[in-house]
Structures are given as C-alpha cells and as structure tokens.
Amino acid sequence: MNVKKPTDYTTMFAALDALMAAGLPQMELYCGIGRVVNGRTEKGAAVAAAAYLNDTYPNASGFSPRNLRRMREFYRTYESTPELLTQAMTIGWTQNVVILEANLTIQARVECLQ
C-alpha cells in the first residue's frame, strides 16, 4: 500500500509565485517552472505544482501535471547546454514538446532548433 508522506512545498510554491508575478514570456516562464520542479526530489512535485498553479491562478492555462513534467524535462535537457537553451527559447512550446518527445540526439536537436 502506498502511503503519501506529508511534504512541505512552501518554498516551491513561493518560487512559483515569484515566477508568475514576474510577467515572463511563456518560454522563460516554462523554463523557470521546470527549474523549480526539477529542484524537488519528490515524485509528486510536478503534480503538487500543477495543483497549486491551477488553484492559485485559475485564469492561467497550460499547468497540467503532464505539462509540468514536460517543463521539468525541458529544463533537464538544456540545463547543461546554455547555447541550445537559448535556441530552444526562440521557438514555441509546442515545437519544443515535439522535439523533447522525439528522443533526439543532441546533434539532431541542434538541427531542429536551427
């Protein structure tokens, strides 16, 4: 039986609030959310973040648990290659999701981003 352990997400929620208040463009916001969620080791961090964002910002869209896991994966994919991150930030979120889910090599990603 799975028992949900109580987890304090106060710090993560504060970081998410700061990102939402900053008025960032979509790609910068999503990358920032990915960075915040990636900073948590708990398996349910993306789900907790999605629930918080949807409850706190009901007029905002795009914050499903699946999309937050994608944001985390986006951040993980490009965190060690800032030049690729810069290129990825210039295309839309949907295009980035397609590239991420295609499981391309780094060279193939470079070609897609050019």
PDB file of N, CA and C in Angstrom:
ATOM      1  N   MET A   1       0.842  -1.179   0.000  1.00  0.00           N
ATOM      2  CA  MET A   1       0.000   0.000   0.000  1.00  0.00           C
ATOM      3  C   MET A   1       0.888   1.244   0.000  1.00  0.00           C
ATOM      4  N   ASN A   2       0.558   2.188  -0.861  1.00  0.00           N
ATOM      5  CA  ASN A   2       1.291   3.442  -0.905  1.00  0.00           C
ATOM      6  C   ASN A   2       0.735   4.397   0.138  1.00  0.00           C
ATOM      7  N   VAL A   3       1.632   4.960   0.897  1.00  0.00           N
ATOM      8  CA  VAL A   3       1.243   5.939   1.895  1.00  0.00           C
ATOM      9  C   VAL A   3       1.891   7.263   1.508  1.00  0.00           C
ATOM     10  N   LYS A   4       1.059   8.261   1.324  1.00  0.00           N
ATOM     11  CA  LYS A   4       1.562   9.569   0.940  1.00  0.00           C
ATOM     12  C   LYS A   4       2.192  10.246   2.153  1.00  0.00           C
ATOM     13  N   LYS A   5       3.470  10.579   2.013  1.00  0.00           N
ATOM     14  CA  LYS A   5       4.178  11.251   3.095  1.00  0.00           C
ATOM     15  C   LYS A   5       3.880  12.745   3.039  1.00  0.00           C
ATOM     16  N   PRO A   6       3.676  13.363   4.183  1.00  0.00           N
ATOM     17  CA  PRO A   6       3.456  14.814   4.174  1.00  0.00           C
ATOM     18  C   PRO A   6       4.726  15.526   3.719  1.00  0.00           C
ATOM     19  N   THR A   7       4.559  16.418   2.776  1.00  0.00           N
ATOM     20  CA  THR A   7       5.699  17.138   2.207  1.00  0.00           C
ATOM     21  C   THR A   7       5.421  18.626   2.271  1.00  0.00           C
ATOM     22  N   ASP A   8       6.420  19.388   2.657  1.00  0.00           N
ATOM     23  CA  ASP A   8       6.294  20.837   2.725  1.00  0.00           C
ATOM     24  C   ASP A   8       6.770  21.443   1.401  1.00  0.00           C
ATOM     25  N   TYR A   9       5.832  21.942   0.637  1.00  0.00           N
ATOM     26  CA  TYR A   9       6.143  22.563  -0.650  1.00  0.00           C
ATOM     27  C   TYR A   9       6.141  24.089  -0.581  1.00  0.00           C
ATOM     28  N   THR A  10       6.183  24.650   0.605  1.00  0.00           N
ATOM     29  CA  THR A  10       6.092  26.097   0.775  1.00  0.00           C
ATOM     30  C   THR A  10       7.135  26.836  -0.052  1.00  0.00           C
ATOM     31  N   THR A  11       8.363  26.376  -0.031  1.00  0.00           N
ATOM     32  CA  THR A  11       9.435  27.033  -0.779  1.00  0.00           C
ATOM     33  C   THR A  11       9.180  26.944  -2.282  1.00  0.00           C
ATOM     34  N   MET A  12       8.744  25.794  -2.749  1.00  0.00           N
ATOM     35  CA  MET A  12       8.446  25.628  -4.176  1.00  0.00           C
ATOM     36  C   MET A  12       7.287  26.542  -4.584  1.00  0.00           C
ATOM     37  N   PHE A  13       6.259  26.605  -3.766  1.00  0.00           N
ATOM     38  CA  PHE A  13       5.120  27.449  -4.087  1.00  0.00           C
ATOM     39  C   PHE A  13       5.518  28.925  -4.127  1.00  0.00           C
ATOM     40  N   ALA A  14       6.379  29.349  -3.214  1.00  0.00           N
ATOM     41  CA  ALA A  14       6.847  30.742  -3.218  1.00  0.00           C
ATOM     42  C   ALA A  14       7.636  31.039  -4.494  1.00  0.00           C
ATOM     43  N   ALA A  15       8.468  30.090  -4.921  1.00  0.00           N
ATOM     44  CA  ALA A  15       9.241  30.270  -6.157  1.00  0.00           C
ATOM     45  C   ALA A  15       8.309  30.336  -7.366  1.00  0.00           C
ATOM     46  N   LEU A  16       7.268  29.518  -7.370  1.00  0.00           N
ATOM     47  CA  LEU A  16       6.294  29.550  -8.463  1.00  0.00           C
ATOM     48  C   LEU A  16       5.547  30.881  -8.480  1.00  0.00           C
ATOM     49  N   ASP A  17       5.172  31.381  -7.300  1.00  0.00           N
ATOM     50  CA  ASP A  17       4.506  32.686  -7.218  1.00  0.00           C
ATOM     51  C   ASP A  17       5.391  33.791  -7.769  1.00  0.00           C
ATOM     52  N   ALA A  18       6.685  33.742  -7.448  1.00  0.00           N
ATOM     53  CA  ALA A  18       7.617  34.765  -7.945  1.00  0.00           C
ATOM     54  C   ALA A  18       7.703  34.711  -9.471  1.00  0.00           C
ATOM     55  N   LEU A  19       7.743  33.527 -10.030  1.00  0.00           N
ATOM     56  CA  LEU A  19       7.787  33.394 -11.492  1.00  0.00           C
ATOM     57  C   LEU A  19       6.501  33.924 -12.126  1.00  0.00           C
ATOM     58  N   MET A  20       5.373  33.590 -11.548  1.00  0.00           N
ATOM     59  CA  MET A  20       4.099  34.046 -12.106  1.00  0.00           C
ATOM     60  C   MET A  20       3.968  35.573 -12.014  1.00  0.00           C
ATOM     61  N   ALA A  21       4.487  36.150 -10.948  1.00  0.00           N
ATOM     62  CA  ALA A  21       4.396  37.599 -10.764  1.00  0.00           C
ATOM     63  C   ALA A  21       5.353  38.360 -11.662  1.00  0.00           C
ATOM     64  N   ALA A  22       6.370  37.693 -12.174  1.00  0.00           N
ATOM     65  CA  ALA A  22       7.401  38.369 -12.967  1.00  0.00           C
ATOM     66  C   ALA A  22       6.929  38.767 -14.358  1.00  0.00           C
ATOM     67  N   GLY A  23       5.817  38.209 -14.821  1.00  0.00           N
ATOM     68  CA  GLY A  23       5.319  38.567 -16.145  1.00  0.00           C
ATOM     69  C   GLY A  23       6.243  38.137 -17.273  1.00  0.00           C
ATOM     70  N   LEU A  24       6.840  36.971 -17.134  1.00  0.00           N
ATOM     71  CA  LEU A  24       7.798  36.470 -18.123  1.00  0.00           C
ATOM     72  C   LEU A  24       7.101  35.993 -19.390  1.00  0.00           C
ATOM     73  N   PRO A  25       7.814  36.024 -20.517  1.00  0.00           N
ATOM     74  CA  PRO A  25       7.285  35.384 -21.726  1.00  0.00           C
ATOM     75  C   PRO A  25       7.103  33.888 -21.471  1.00  0.00           C
ATOM     76  N   GLN A  26       6.241  33.248 -22.237  1.00  0.00           N
ATOM     77  CA  GLN A  26       5.881  31.857 -21.992  1.00  0.00           C
ATOM     78  C   GLN A  26       7.086  30.934 -21.859  1.00  0.00           C
ATOM     79  N   MET A  27       8.025  30.976 -22.783  1.00  0.00           N
ATOM     80  CA  MET A  27       9.150  30.044 -22.740  1.00  0.00           C
ATOM     81  C   MET A  27      10.022  30.270 -21.506  1.00  0.00           C
ATOM     82  N   GLU A  28      10.227  31.512 -21.120  1.00  0.00           N
ATOM     83  CA  GLU A  28      11.012  31.791 -19.915  1.00  0.00           C
ATOM     84  C   GLU A  28      10.272  31.304 -18.670  1.00  0.00           C
ATOM     85  N   LEU A  29       8.962  31.512 -18.650  1.00  0.00           N
ATOM     86  CA  LEU A  29       8.152  31.048 -17.529  1.00  0.00           C
ATOM     87  C   LEU A  29       8.211  29.529 -17.421  1.00  0.00           C
ATOM     88  N   TYR A  30       8.010  28.846 -18.529  1.00  0.00           N
ATOM     89  CA  TYR A  30       8.008  27.381 -18.513  1.00  0.00           C
ATOM     90  C   TYR A  30       9.373  26.819 -18.137  1.00  0.00           C
ATOM     91  N   CYS A  31      10.432  27.451 -18.609  1.00  0.00           N
ATOM     92  CA  CYS A  31      11.773  27.006 -18.234  1.00  0.00           C
ATOM     93  C   CYS A  31      11.997  27.225 -16.732  1.00  0.00           C
ATOM     94  N   GLY A  32      11.551  28.359 -16.225  1.00  0.00           N
ATOM     95  CA  GLY A  32      11.676  28.643 -14.798  1.00  0.00           C
ATOM     96  C   GLY A  32      10.881  27.664 -13.950  1.00  0.00           C
ATOM     97  N   ILE A  33       9.673  27.355 -14.381  1.00  0.00           N
ATOM     98  CA  ILE A  33       8.861  26.368 -13.658  1.00  0.00           C
ATOM     99  C   ILE A  33       9.554  25.013 -13.693  1.00  0.00           C
ATOM    100  N   GLY A  34      10.107  24.655 -14.840  1.00  0.00           N
ATOM    101  CA  GLY A  34      10.843  23.398 -14.950  1.00  0.00           C
ATOM    102  C   GLY A  34      12.016  23.339 -13.998  1.00  0.00           C
ATOM    103  N   ARG A  35      12.726  24.473 -13.852  1.00  0.00           N
ATOM    104  CA  ARG A  35      13.864  24.546 -12.930  1.00  0.00           C
ATOM    105  C   ARG A  35      13.398  24.358 -11.487  1.00  0.00           C
ATOM    106  N   VAL A  36      12.302  24.993 -11.132  1.00  0.00           N
ATOM    107  CA  VAL A  36      11.781  24.895  -9.762  1.00  0.00           C
ATOM    108  C   VAL A  36      11.333  23.459  -9.463  1.00  0.00           C
ATOM    109  N   VAL A  37      10.589  22.865 -10.365  1.00  0.00           N
ATOM    110  CA  VAL A  37      10.108  21.498 -10.144  1.00  0.00           C
ATOM    111  C   VAL A  37      11.276  20.516 -10.137  1.00  0.00           C
ATOM    112  N   ASN A  38      12.254  20.744 -10.989  1.00  0.00           N
ATOM    113  CA  ASN A  38      13.438  19.885 -11.034  1.00  0.00           C
ATOM    114  C   ASN A  38      14.215  19.927  -9.720  1.00  0.00           C
ATOM    115  N   GLY A  39      14.122  21.030  -9.010  1.00  0.00           N
ATOM    116  CA  GLY A  39      14.824  21.167  -7.738  1.00  0.00           C
ATOM    117  C   GLY A  39      14.248  20.324  -6.618  1.00  0.00           C
ATOM    118  N   ARG A  40      13.095  19.719  -6.865  1.00  0.00           N
ATOM    119  CA  ARG A  40      12.461  18.867  -5.862  1.00  0.00           C
ATOM    120  C   ARG A  40      12.708  17.406  -6.198  1.00  0.00           C
ATOM    121  N   THR A  41      13.014  16.609  -5.198  1.00  0.00           N
ATOM    122  CA  THR A  41      13.297  15.194  -5.435  1.00  0.00           C
ATOM    123  C   THR A  41      12.064  14.312  -5.298  1.00  0.00           C
ATOM    124  N   GLU A  42      11.003  14.846  -4.735  1.00  0.00           N
ATOM    125  CA  GLU A  42       9.804  14.048  -4.521  1.00  0.00           C
ATOM    126  C   GLU A  42       9.149  13.696  -5.855  1.00  0.00           C
ATOM    127  N   LYS A  43       8.623  12.501  -5.917  1.00  0.00           N
ATOM    128  CA  LYS A  43       7.981  12.024  -7.132  1.00  0.00           C
ATOM    129  C   LYS A  43       6.762  12.875  -7.497  1.00  0.00           C
ATOM    130  N   GLY A  44       6.056  13.377  -6.530  1.00  0.00           N
ATOM    131  CA  GLY A  44       4.830  14.125  -6.777  1.00  0.00           C
ATOM    132  C   GLY A  44       4.990  15.625  -6.906  1.00  0.00           C
ATOM    133  N   ALA A  45       6.207  16.112  -7.065  1.00  0.00           N
ATOM    134  CA  ALA A  45       6.425  17.561  -7.115  1.00  0.00           C
ATOM    135  C   ALA A  45       5.697  18.216  -8.286  1.00  0.00           C
ATOM    136  N   ALA A  46       5.738  17.610  -9.461  1.00  0.00           N
ATOM    137  CA  ALA A  46       5.070  18.189 -10.631  1.00  0.00           C
ATOM    138  C   ALA A  46       3.558  18.220 -10.424  1.00  0.00           C
ATOM    139  N   VAL A  47       3.016  17.174  -9.832  1.00  0.00           N
ATOM    140  CA  VAL A  47       1.575  17.120  -9.572  1.00  0.00           C
ATOM    141  C   VAL A  47       1.186  18.181  -8.543  1.00  0.00           C
ATOM    142  N   ALA A  48       1.978  18.318  -7.488  1.00  0.00           N
ATOM    143  CA  ALA A  48       1.695  19.332  -6.462  1.00  0.00           C
ATOM    144  C   ALA A  48       1.798  20.732  -7.048  1.00  0.00           C
ATOM    145  N   ALA A  49       2.805  20.964  -7.877  1.00  0.00           N
ATOM    146  CA  ALA A  49       2.975  22.279  -8.509  1.00  0.00           C
ATOM    147  C   ALA A  49       1.806  22.576  -9.443  1.00  0.00           C
ATOM    148  N   ALA A  50       1.376  21.582 -10.211  1.00  0.00           N
ATOM    149  CA  ALA A  50       0.249  21.777 -11.126  1.00  0.00           C
ATOM    150  C   ALA A  50      -1.025  22.117 -10.353  1.00  0.00           C
ATOM    151  N   ALA A  51      -1.275  21.381  -9.275  1.00  0.00           N
ATOM    152  CA  ALA A  51      -2.467  21.652  -8.467  1.00  0.00           C
ATOM    153  C   ALA A  51      -2.408  23.055  -7.875  1.00  0.00           C
ATOM    154  N   TYR A  52      -1.249  23.431  -7.374  1.00  0.00           N
ATOM    155  CA  TYR A  52      -1.093  24.765  -6.785  1.00  0.00           C
ATOM    156  C   TYR A  52      -1.324  25.857  -7.823  1.00  0.00           C
ATOM    157  N   LEU A  53      -0.683  25.723  -8.982  1.00  0.00           N
ATOM    158  CA  LEU A  53      -0.822  26.750 -10.023  1.00  0.00           C
ATOM    159  C   LEU A  53      -2.267  26.857 -10.506  1.00  0.00           C
ATOM    160  N   ASN A  54      -2.921  25.723 -10.696  1.00  0.00           N
ATOM    161  CA  ASN A  54      -4.315  25.753 -11.148  1.00  0.00           C
ATOM    162  C   ASN A  54      -5.246  26.344 -10.104  1.00  0.00           C
ATOM    163  N   ASP A  55      -4.986  26.068  -8.825  1.00  0.00           N
ATOM    164  CA  ASP A  55      -5.824  26.619  -7.758  1.00  0.00           C
ATOM    165  C   ASP A  55      -5.556  28.102  -7.527  1.00  0.00           C
ATOM    166  N   THR A  56      -4.290  28.501  -7.593  1.00  0.00           N
ATOM    167  CA  THR A  56      -3.904  29.871  -7.291  1.00  0.00           C
ATOM    168  C   THR A  56      -4.106  30.819  -8.472  1.00  0.00           C
ATOM    169  N   TYR A  57      -3.964  30.289  -9.677  1.00  0.00           N
ATOM    170  CA  TYR A  57      -4.077  31.104 -10.885  1.00  0.00           C
ATOM    171  C   TYR A  57      -5.105  30.470 -11.827  1.00  0.00           C
ATOM    172  N   PRO A  58      -6.383  30.547 -11.463  1.00  0.00           N
ATOM    173  CA  PRO A  58      -7.410  29.845 -12.247  1.00  0.00           C
ATOM    174  C   PRO A  58      -7.566  30.370 -13.675  1.00  0.00           C
ATOM    175  N   ASN A  59      -7.147  31.584 -13.949  1.00  0.00           N
ATOM    176  CA  ASN A  59      -7.269  32.146 -15.297  1.00  0.00           C
ATOM    177  C   ASN A  59      -6.085  31.796 -16.190  1.00  0.00           C
ATOM    178  N   ALA A  60      -5.070  31.201 -15.627  1.00  0.00           N
ATOM    179  CA  ALA A  60      -3.896  30.787 -16.408  1.00  0.00           C
ATOM    180  C   ALA A  60      -4.142  29.372 -16.935  1.00  0.00           C
ATOM    181  N   SER A  61      -3.517  29.072 -18.063  1.00  0.00           N
ATOM    182  CA  SER A  61      -3.692  27.731 -18.621  1.00  0.00           C
ATOM    183  C   SER A  61      -2.327  27.097 -18.893  1.00  0.00           C
ATOM    184  N   GLY A  62      -2.346  25.808 -19.165  1.00  0.00           N
ATOM    185  CA  GLY A  62      -1.115  25.101 -19.505  1.00  0.00           C
ATOM    186  C   GLY A  62      -0.410  24.454 -18.329  1.00  0.00           C
ATOM    187  N   PHE A  63      -1.075  24.346 -17.195  1.00  0.00           N
ATOM    188  CA  PHE A  63      -0.415  23.840 -15.998  1.00  0.00           C
ATOM    189  C   PHE A  63      -0.940  22.476 -15.557  1.00  0.00           C
ATOM    190  N   SER A  64      -1.099  21.576 -16.497  1.00  0.00           N
ATOM    191  CA  SER A  64      -1.492  20.213 -16.153  1.00  0.00           C
ATOM    192  C   SER A  64      -0.266  19.493 -15.581  1.00  0.00           C
ATOM    193  N   PRO A  65      -0.468  18.427 -14.824  1.00  0.00           N
ATOM    194  CA  PRO A  65       0.688  17.675 -14.321  1.00  0.00           C
ATOM    195  C   PRO A  65       1.598  17.198 -15.462  1.00  0.00           C
ATOM    196  N   ARG A  66       0.993  16.742 -16.546  1.00  0.00           N
ATOM    197  CA  ARG A  66       1.787  16.282 -17.687  1.00  0.00           C
ATOM    198  C   ARG A  66       2.643  17.404 -18.262  1.00  0.00           C
ATOM    199  N   ASN A  67       2.069  18.588 -18.387  1.00  0.00           N
ATOM    200  CA  ASN A  67       2.817  19.713 -18.944  1.00  0.00           C
ATOM    201  C   ASN A  67       3.927  20.158 -17.991  1.00  0.00           C
ATOM    202  N   LEU A  68       3.687  20.091 -16.685  1.00  0.00           N
ATOM    203  CA  LEU A  68       4.749  20.439 -15.742  1.00  0.00           C
ATOM    204  C   LEU A  68       5.878  19.419 -15.773  1.00  0.00           C
ATOM    205  N   ARG A  69       5.553  18.167 -15.988  1.00  0.00           N
ATOM    206  CA  ARG A  69       6.624  17.172 -16.167  1.00  0.00           C
ATOM    207  C   ARG A  69       7.414  17.478 -17.438  1.00  0.00           C
ATOM    208  N   ARG A  70       6.733  17.955 -18.481  1.00  0.00           N
ATOM    209  CA  ARG A  70       7.425  18.358 -19.708  1.00  0.00           C
ATOM    210  C   ARG A  70       8.330  19.564 -19.442  1.00  0.00           C
ATOM    211  N   MET A  71       7.858  20.511 -18.655  1.00  0.00           N
ATOM    212  CA  MET A  71       8.679  21.682 -18.322  1.00  0.00           C
ATOM    213  C   MET A  71       9.938  21.249 -17.581  1.00  0.00           C
ATOM    214  N   ARG A  72       9.775  20.310 -16.656  1.00  0.00           N
ATOM    215  CA  ARG A  72      10.930  19.784 -15.923  1.00  0.00           C
ATOM    216  C   ARG A  72      11.894  19.103 -16.892  1.00  0.00           C
ATOM    217  N   GLU A  73      11.371  18.321 -17.809  1.00  0.00           N
ATOM    218  CA  GLU A  73      12.221  17.631 -18.789  1.00  0.00           C
ATOM    219  C   GLU A  73      12.909  18.627 -19.720  1.00  0.00           C
ATOM    220  N   PHE A  74      12.205  19.685 -20.098  1.00  0.00           N
ATOM    221  CA  PHE A  74      12.798  20.739 -20.919  1.00  0.00           C
ATOM    222  C   PHE A  74      14.002  21.333 -20.200  1.00  0.00           C
ATOM    223  N   TYR A  75      13.805  21.671 -18.929  1.00  0.00           N
ATOM    224  CA  TYR A  75      14.905  22.244 -18.150  1.00  0.00           C
ATOM    225  C   TYR A  75      16.064  21.253 -18.038  1.00  0.00           C
ATOM    226  N   ARG A  76      15.771  20.008 -17.726  1.00  0.00           N
ATOM    227  CA  ARG A  76      16.822  18.989 -17.587  1.00  0.00           C
ATOM    228  C   ARG A  76      17.591  18.792 -18.891  1.00  0.00           C
ATOM    229  N   THR A  77      16.885  18.836 -19.988  1.00  0.00           N
ATOM    230  CA  THR A  77      17.507  18.592 -21.286  1.00  0.00           C
ATOM    231  C   THR A  77      18.522  19.675 -21.635  1.00  0.00           C
ATOM    232  N   TYR A  78      18.199  20.921 -21.320  1.00  0.00           N
ATOM    233  CA  TYR A  78      19.038  22.022 -21.770  1.00  0.00           C
ATOM    234  C   TYR A  78      19.846  22.714 -20.676  1.00  0.00           C
ATOM    235  N   GLU A  79      19.726  22.276 -19.426  1.00  0.00           N
ATOM    236  CA  GLU A  79      20.411  22.989 -18.346  1.00  0.00           C
ATOM    237  C   GLU A  79      21.928  22.999 -18.502  1.00  0.00           C
ATOM    238  N   SER A  80      22.496  21.970 -19.098  1.00  0.00           N
ATOM    239  CA  SER A  80      23.953  21.911 -19.229  1.00  0.00           C
ATOM    240  C   SER A  80      24.446  22.427 -20.579  1.00  0.00           C
ATOM    241  N   THR A  81      23.534  22.849 -21.440  1.00  0.00           N
ATOM    242  CA  THR A  81      23.920  23.393 -22.749  1.00  0.00           C
ATOM    243  C   THR A  81      23.207  24.730 -22.969  1.00  0.00           C
ATOM    244  N   PRO A  82      23.734  25.798 -22.368  1.00  0.00           N
ATOM    245  CA  PRO A  82      23.052  27.094 -22.446  1.00  0.00           C
ATOM    246  C   PRO A  82      22.848  27.595 -23.869  1.00  0.00           C
ATOM    247  N   GLU A  83      23.769  27.254 -24.779  1.00  0.00           N
ATOM    248  CA  GLU A  83      23.603  27.723 -26.156  1.00  0.00           C
ATOM    249  C   GLU A  83      22.386  27.064 -26.812  1.00  0.00           C
ATOM    250  N   LEU A  84      22.138  25.794 -26.506  1.00  0.00           N
ATOM    251  CA  LEU A  84      20.940  25.130 -27.024  1.00  0.00           C
ATOM    252  C   LEU A  84      19.683  25.661 -26.343  1.00  0.00           C
ATOM    253  N   LEU A  85      19.783  25.953 -25.056  1.00  0.00           N
ATOM    254  CA  LEU A  85      18.650  26.520 -24.338  1.00  0.00           C
ATOM    255  C   LEU A  85      18.243  27.843 -24.971  1.00  0.00           C
ATOM    256  N   THR A  86      19.217  28.667 -25.296  1.00  0.00           N
ATOM    257  CA  THR A  86      18.927  29.953 -25.923  1.00  0.00           C
ATOM    258  C   THR A  86      18.183  29.749 -27.235  1.00  0.00           C
ATOM    259  N   GLN A  87      18.623  28.771 -28.020  1.00  0.00           N
ATOM    260  CA  GLN A  87      17.944  28.484 -29.290  1.00  0.00           C
ATOM    261  C   GLN A  87      16.544  27.923 -29.046  1.00  0.00           C
ATOM    262  N   ALA A  88      16.416  27.037 -28.078  1.00  0.00           N
ATOM    263  CA  ALA A  88      15.111  26.431 -27.789  1.00  0.00           C
ATOM    264  C   ALA A  88      14.112  27.477 -27.311  1.00  0.00           C
ATOM    265  N   MET A  89      14.591  28.519 -26.662  1.00  0.00           N
ATOM    266  CA  MET A  89      13.711  29.567 -26.148  1.00  0.00           C
ATOM    267  C   MET A  89      13.133  30.420 -27.275  1.00  0.00           C
ATOM    268  N   THR A  90      13.685  30.320 -28.473  1.00  0.00           N
ATOM    269  CA  THR A  90      13.213  31.156 -29.579  1.00  0.00           C
ATOM    270  C   THR A  90      12.065  30.515 -30.350  1.00  0.00           C
ATOM    271  N   ILE A  91      11.790  29.232 -30.102  1.00  0.00           N
ATOM    272  CA  ILE A  91      10.671  28.582 -30.782  1.00  0.00           C
ATOM    273  C   ILE A  91       9.547  28.368 -29.773  1.00  0.00           C
ATOM    274  N   GLY A  92       8.399  28.016 -30.249  1.00  0.00           N
ATOM    275  CA  GLY A  92       7.236  27.864 -29.380  1.00  0.00           C
ATOM    276  C   GLY A  92       7.281  26.616 -28.516  1.00  0.00           C
ATOM    277  N   TRP A  93       6.416  26.598 -27.516  1.00  0.00           N
ATOM    278  CA  TRP A  93       6.359  25.487 -26.579  1.00  0.00           C
ATOM    279  C   TRP A  93       5.969  24.191 -27.290  1.00  0.00           C
ATOM    280  N   THR A  94       4.989  24.242 -28.168  1.00  0.00           N
ATOM    281  CA  THR A  94       4.540  23.028 -28.847  1.00  0.00           C
ATOM    282  C   THR A  94       5.668  22.408 -29.662  1.00  0.00           C
ATOM    283  N   GLN A  95       6.419  23.230 -30.353  1.00  0.00           N
ATOM    284  CA  GLN A  95       7.560  22.721 -31.119  1.00  0.00           C
ATOM    285  C   GLN A  95       8.592  22.078 -30.193  1.00  0.00           C
ATOM    286  N   ASN A  96       8.832  22.697 -29.061  1.00  0.00           N
ATOM    287  CA  ASN A  96       9.779  22.132 -28.092  1.00  0.00           C
ATOM    288  C   ASN A  96       9.287  20.797 -27.550  1.00  0.00           C
ATOM    289  N   VAL A  97       8.001  20.668 -27.306  1.00  0.00           N
ATOM    290  CA  VAL A  97       7.453  19.405 -26.812  1.00  0.00           C
ATOM    291  C   VAL A  97       7.658  18.305 -27.847  1.00  0.00           C
ATOM    292  N   VAL A  98       7.425  18.622 -29.108  1.00  0.00           N
ATOM    293  CA  VAL A  98       7.623  17.629 -30.171  1.00  0.00           C
ATOM    294  C   VAL A  98       9.084  17.184 -30.200  1.00  0.00           C
ATOM    295  N   ILE A  99      10.003  18.128 -30.109  1.00  0.00           N
ATOM    296  CA  ILE A  99      11.434  17.798 -30.114  1.00  0.00           C
ATOM    297  C   ILE A  99      11.790  16.951 -28.899  1.00  0.00           C
ATOM    298  N   LEU A 100      11.282  17.333 -27.722  1.00  0.00           N
ATOM    299  CA  LEU A 100      11.575  16.579 -26.497  1.00  0.00           C
ATOM    300  C   LEU A 100      11.048  15.154 -26.579  1.00  0.00           C
ATOM    301  N   GLU A 101       9.845  14.999 -27.050  1.00  0.00           N
ATOM    302  CA  GLU A 101       9.222  13.682 -27.058  1.00  0.00           C
ATOM    303  C   GLU A 101       9.720  12.787 -28.182  1.00  0.00           C
ATOM    304  N   ALA A 102      10.491  13.358 -29.109  1.00  0.00           N
ATOM    305  CA  ALA A 102      11.054  12.557 -30.198  1.00  0.00           C
ATOM    306  C   ALA A 102      12.319  11.827 -29.762  1.00  0.00           C
ATOM    307  N   ASN A 103      12.828  12.127 -28.566  1.00  0.00           N
ATOM    308  CA  ASN A 103      14.043  11.485 -28.044  1.00  0.00           C
ATOM    309  C   ASN A 103      15.203  11.578 -29.029  1.00  0.00           C
ATOM    310  N   LEU A 104      15.466  12.776 -29.493  1.00  0.00           N
ATOM    311  CA  LEU A 104      16.528  13.008 -30.459  1.00  0.00           C
ATOM    312  C   LEU A 104      17.886  13.107 -29.781  1.00  0.00           C
ATOM    313  N   THR A 105      18.928  12.868 -30.545  1.00  0.00           N
ATOM    314  CA  THR A 105      20.282  13.093 -30.051  1.00  0.00           C
ATOM    315  C   THR A 105      20.515  14.596 -29.957  1.00  0.00           C
ATOM    316  N   ILE A 106      21.579  14.978 -29.286  1.00  0.00           N
ATOM    317  CA  ILE A 106      21.901  16.403 -29.173  1.00  0.00           C
ATOM    318  C   ILE A 106      22.103  17.014 -30.560  1.00  0.00           C
ATOM    319  N   GLN A 107      22.809  16.314 -31.442  1.00  0.00           N
ATOM    320  CA  GLN A 107      23.048  16.832 -32.796  1.00  0.00           C
ATOM    321  C   GLN A 107      21.725  17.019 -33.540  1.00  0.00           C
ATOM    322  N   ALA A 108      20.811  16.077 -33.418  1.00  0.00           N
ATOM    323  CA  ALA A 108      19.515  16.196 -34.082  1.00  0.00           C
ATOM    324  C   ALA A 108      18.716  17.359 -33.495  1.00  0.00           C
ATOM    325  N   ARG A 109      18.835  17.573 -32.193  1.00  0.00           N
ATOM    326  CA  ARG A 109      18.160  18.733 -31.560  1.00  0.00           C
ATOM    327  C   ARG A 109      18.706  20.038 -32.114  1.00  0.00           C
ATOM    328  N   VAL A 110      20.034  20.101 -32.260  1.00  0.00           N
ATOM    329  CA  VAL A 110      20.663  21.306 -32.817  1.00  0.00           C
ATOM    330  C   VAL A 110      20.095  21.586 -34.200  1.00  0.00           C
ATOM    331  N   GLU A 111      19.977  20.554 -35.009  1.00  0.00           N
ATOM    332  CA  GLU A 111      19.448  20.724 -36.359  1.00  0.00           C
ATOM    333  C   GLU A 111      17.994  21.178 -36.341  1.00  0.00           C
ATOM    334  N   CYS A 112      17.198  20.671 -35.420  1.00  0.00           N
ATOM    335  CA  CYS A 112      15.799  21.084 -35.310  1.00  0.00           C
ATOM    336  C   CYS A 112      15.666  22.530 -34.855  1.00  0.00           C
ATOM    337  N   LEU A 113      16.582  22.979 -34.028  1.00  0.00           N
ATOM    338  CA  LEU A 113      16.500  24.311 -33.454  1.00  0.00           C
ATOM    339  C   LEU A 113      17.059  25.398 -34.380  1.00  0.00           C
ATOM    340  N   GLN A 114      17.684  24.992 -35.460  1.00  0.00           N
ATOM    341  CA  GLN A 114      18.255  25.995 -36.368  1.00  0.00           C
ATOM    342  C   GLN A 114      17.253  26.429 -37.406  1.00  0.00           C
TER     343      GLN A 114
END
